[in-house]
Amino acid sequence: MGMMTVRNIPDEVHDALRARARKHDRSTEAEVRSILADAVRPRDRLRMGDALAALGREIGLTEEDVDMIEQARDTSPAEPVHLE
């Protein structure tokens, strides 16, 4: 995991962070991690799995279709590339 040090945080911001952390019953550091995670990974972001499932429903993909795809899939090991 990465580490980060943030310097020169104004006292009123630090106090607000501590108060917010107390409100959520966690440490100030945990509160800052939560704020950062929410900022870069919003809850309403597009999730690939959800998008693919919606696409499958939209085109009418069935379990039988998935079974056919899995049966037709080549599961043999790939041959190494020869560069000669």
C-alpha atoms as a PDB file:
ATOM      1  CA  MET A   1       0.000   0.000   0.000  1.00  0.00           C
ATOM      2  CA  GLY A   2       1.100   3.511  -0.685  1.00  0.00           C
ATOM      3  CA  MET A   3       1.865   6.072   1.958  1.00  0.00           C
ATOM      4  CA  MET A   4       1.322   9.796   1.838  1.00  0.00           C
ATOM      5  CA  THR A   5       2.182  12.732   4.063  1.00  0.00           C
ATOM      6  CA  VAL A   6       0.174  15.924   3.762  1.00  0.00           C
ATOM      7  CA  ARG A   7       1.837  18.990   5.228  1.00  0.00           C
ATOM      8  CA  ASN A   8       0.545  22.458   6.106  1.00  0.00           C
ATOM      9  CA  ILE A   9      -3.088  21.516   6.671  1.00  0.00           C
ATOM     10  CA  PRO A  10      -4.841  24.576   8.107  1.00  0.00           C
ATOM     11  CA  ASP A  11      -5.892  24.135  11.738  1.00  0.00           C
ATOM     12  CA  GLU A  12      -9.583  24.591  10.919  1.00  0.00           C
ATOM     13  CA  VAL A  13      -9.401  21.833   8.279  1.00  0.00           C
ATOM     14  CA  HIS A  14      -7.603  19.493  10.670  1.00  0.00           C
ATOM     15  CA  ASP A  15     -10.162  20.220  13.391  1.00  0.00           C
ATOM     16  CA  ALA A  16     -13.013  19.559  10.949  1.00  0.00           C
ATOM     17  CA  LEU A  17     -11.434  16.259   9.918  1.00  0.00           C
ATOM     18  CA  ARG A  18     -11.085  15.178  13.542  1.00  0.00           C
ATOM     19  CA  ALA A  19     -14.713  16.109  14.239  1.00  0.00           C
ATOM     20  CA  ARG A  20     -15.900  14.258  11.141  1.00  0.00           C
ATOM     21  CA  ALA A  21     -13.853  11.193  12.161  1.00  0.00           C
ATOM     22  CA  ARG A  22     -15.397  11.244  15.642  1.00  0.00           C
ATOM     23  CA  LYS A  23     -18.861  11.457  14.059  1.00  0.00           C
ATOM     24  CA  HIS A  24     -18.093   8.313  12.019  1.00  0.00           C
ATOM     25  CA  ASP A  25     -16.442   6.579  14.993  1.00  0.00           C
ATOM     26  CA  ARG A  26     -13.028   6.160  13.350  1.00  0.00           C
ATOM     27  CA  SER A  27      -9.563   7.658  13.476  1.00  0.00           C
ATOM     28  CA  THR A  28      -8.703  10.853  11.619  1.00  0.00           C
ATOM     29  CA  GLU A  29      -6.402   8.839   9.352  1.00  0.00           C
ATOM     30  CA  ALA A  30      -9.223   6.393   8.524  1.00  0.00           C
ATOM     31  CA  GLU A  31     -11.517   9.329   7.825  1.00  0.00           C
ATOM     32  CA  VAL A  32      -9.022  10.864   5.398  1.00  0.00           C
ATOM     33  CA  ARG A  33      -8.657   7.481   3.628  1.00  0.00           C
ATOM     34  CA  SER A  34     -12.439   7.279   3.286  1.00  0.00           C
ATOM     35  CA  ILE A  35     -12.668  10.823   1.907  1.00  0.00           C
ATOM     36  CA  LEU A  36      -9.914  10.133  -0.620  1.00  0.00           C
ATOM     37  CA  ALA A  37     -11.479   6.833  -1.722  1.00  0.00           C
ATOM     38  CA  ASP A  38     -14.880   8.503  -2.196  1.00  0.00           C
ATOM     39  CA  ALA A  39     -13.259  11.287  -4.202  1.00  0.00           C
ATOM     40  CA  VAL A  40     -11.486   9.030  -6.683  1.00  0.00           C
ATOM     41  CA  ARG A  41     -13.973   6.145  -6.763  1.00  0.00           C
ATOM     42  CA  PRO A  42     -17.452   7.661  -6.652  1.00  0.00           C
ATOM     43  CA  ARG A  43     -20.269   5.303  -5.720  1.00  0.00           C
ATOM     44  CA  ASP A  44     -22.129   6.030  -8.967  1.00  0.00           C
ATOM     45  CA  ARG A  45     -19.199   5.044 -11.208  1.00  0.00           C
ATOM     46  CA  LEU A  46     -19.733   2.571 -14.004  1.00  0.00           C
ATOM     47  CA  ARG A  47     -18.788  -0.915 -12.885  1.00  0.00           C
ATOM     48  CA  MET A  48     -17.636  -3.162 -15.716  1.00  0.00           C
ATOM     49  CA  GLY A  49     -19.353  -6.302 -14.389  1.00  0.00           C
ATOM     50  CA  ASP A  50     -22.668  -4.480 -13.996  1.00  0.00           C
ATOM     51  CA  ALA A  51     -22.343  -3.017 -17.502  1.00  0.00           C
ATOM     52  CA  LEU A  52     -21.622  -6.433 -19.033  1.00  0.00           C
ATOM     53  CA  ALA A  53     -24.521  -8.045 -17.161  1.00  0.00           C
ATOM     54  CA  ALA A  54     -26.859  -5.286 -18.370  1.00  0.00           C
ATOM     55  CA  LEU A  55     -25.625  -5.770 -21.936  1.00  0.00           C
ATOM     56  CA  GLY A  56     -26.257  -9.519 -21.682  1.00  0.00           C
ATOM     57  CA  ARG A  57     -29.800  -8.891 -20.453  1.00  0.00           C
ATOM     58  CA  GLU A  58     -30.369  -6.300 -23.174  1.00  0.00           C
ATOM     59  CA  ILE A  59     -29.413  -8.681 -25.988  1.00  0.00           C
ATOM     60  CA  GLY A  60     -31.217 -11.613 -24.375  1.00  0.00           C
ATOM     61  CA  LEU A  61     -28.199 -13.757 -23.475  1.00  0.00           C
ATOM     62  CA  THR A  62     -29.305 -16.934 -21.688  1.00  0.00           C
ATOM     63  CA  GLU A  63     -27.549 -19.515 -19.547  1.00  0.00           C
ATOM     64  CA  GLU A  64     -27.750 -21.909 -22.495  1.00  0.00           C
ATOM     65  CA  ASP A  65     -25.856 -19.356 -24.619  1.00  0.00           C
ATOM     66  CA  VAL A  66     -23.146 -19.097 -21.980  1.00  0.00           C
ATOM     67  CA  ASP A  67     -22.896 -22.903 -21.789  1.00  0.00           C
ATOM     68  CA  MET A  68     -22.481 -23.111 -25.579  1.00  0.00           C
ATOM     69  CA  ILE A  69     -19.740 -20.467 -25.525  1.00  0.00           C
ATOM     70  CA  GLU A  70     -17.878 -22.313 -22.759  1.00  0.00           C
ATOM     71  CA  GLN A  71     -18.155 -25.645 -24.621  1.00  0.00           C
ATOM     72  CA  ALA A  72     -16.852 -24.100 -27.863  1.00  0.00           C
ATOM     73  CA  ARG A  73     -13.959 -22.337 -26.157  1.00  0.00           C
ATOM     74  CA  ASP A  74     -10.512 -23.721 -26.896  1.00  0.00           C
ATOM     75  CA  THR A  75      -8.960 -24.648 -23.547  1.00  0.00           C
ATOM     76  CA  SER A  76      -5.763 -26.171 -24.930  1.00  0.00           C
ATOM     77  CA  PRO A  77      -2.550 -24.499 -23.813  1.00  0.00           C
ATOM     78  CA  ALA A  78      -1.175 -21.830 -26.108  1.00  0.00           C
ATOM     79  CA  GLU A  79       1.850 -22.710 -28.210  1.00  0.00           C
ATOM     80  CA  PRO A  80       4.962 -20.644 -27.492  1.00  0.00           C
ATOM     81  CA  VAL A  81       6.027 -18.168 -30.151  1.00  0.00           C
ATOM     82  CA  HIS A  82       9.037 -19.240 -32.248  1.00  0.00           C
ATOM     83  CA  LEU A  83      11.055 -16.252 -33.440  1.00  0.00           C
ATOM     84  CA  GLU A  84      13.340 -18.094 -35.847  1.00  0.00           C
END
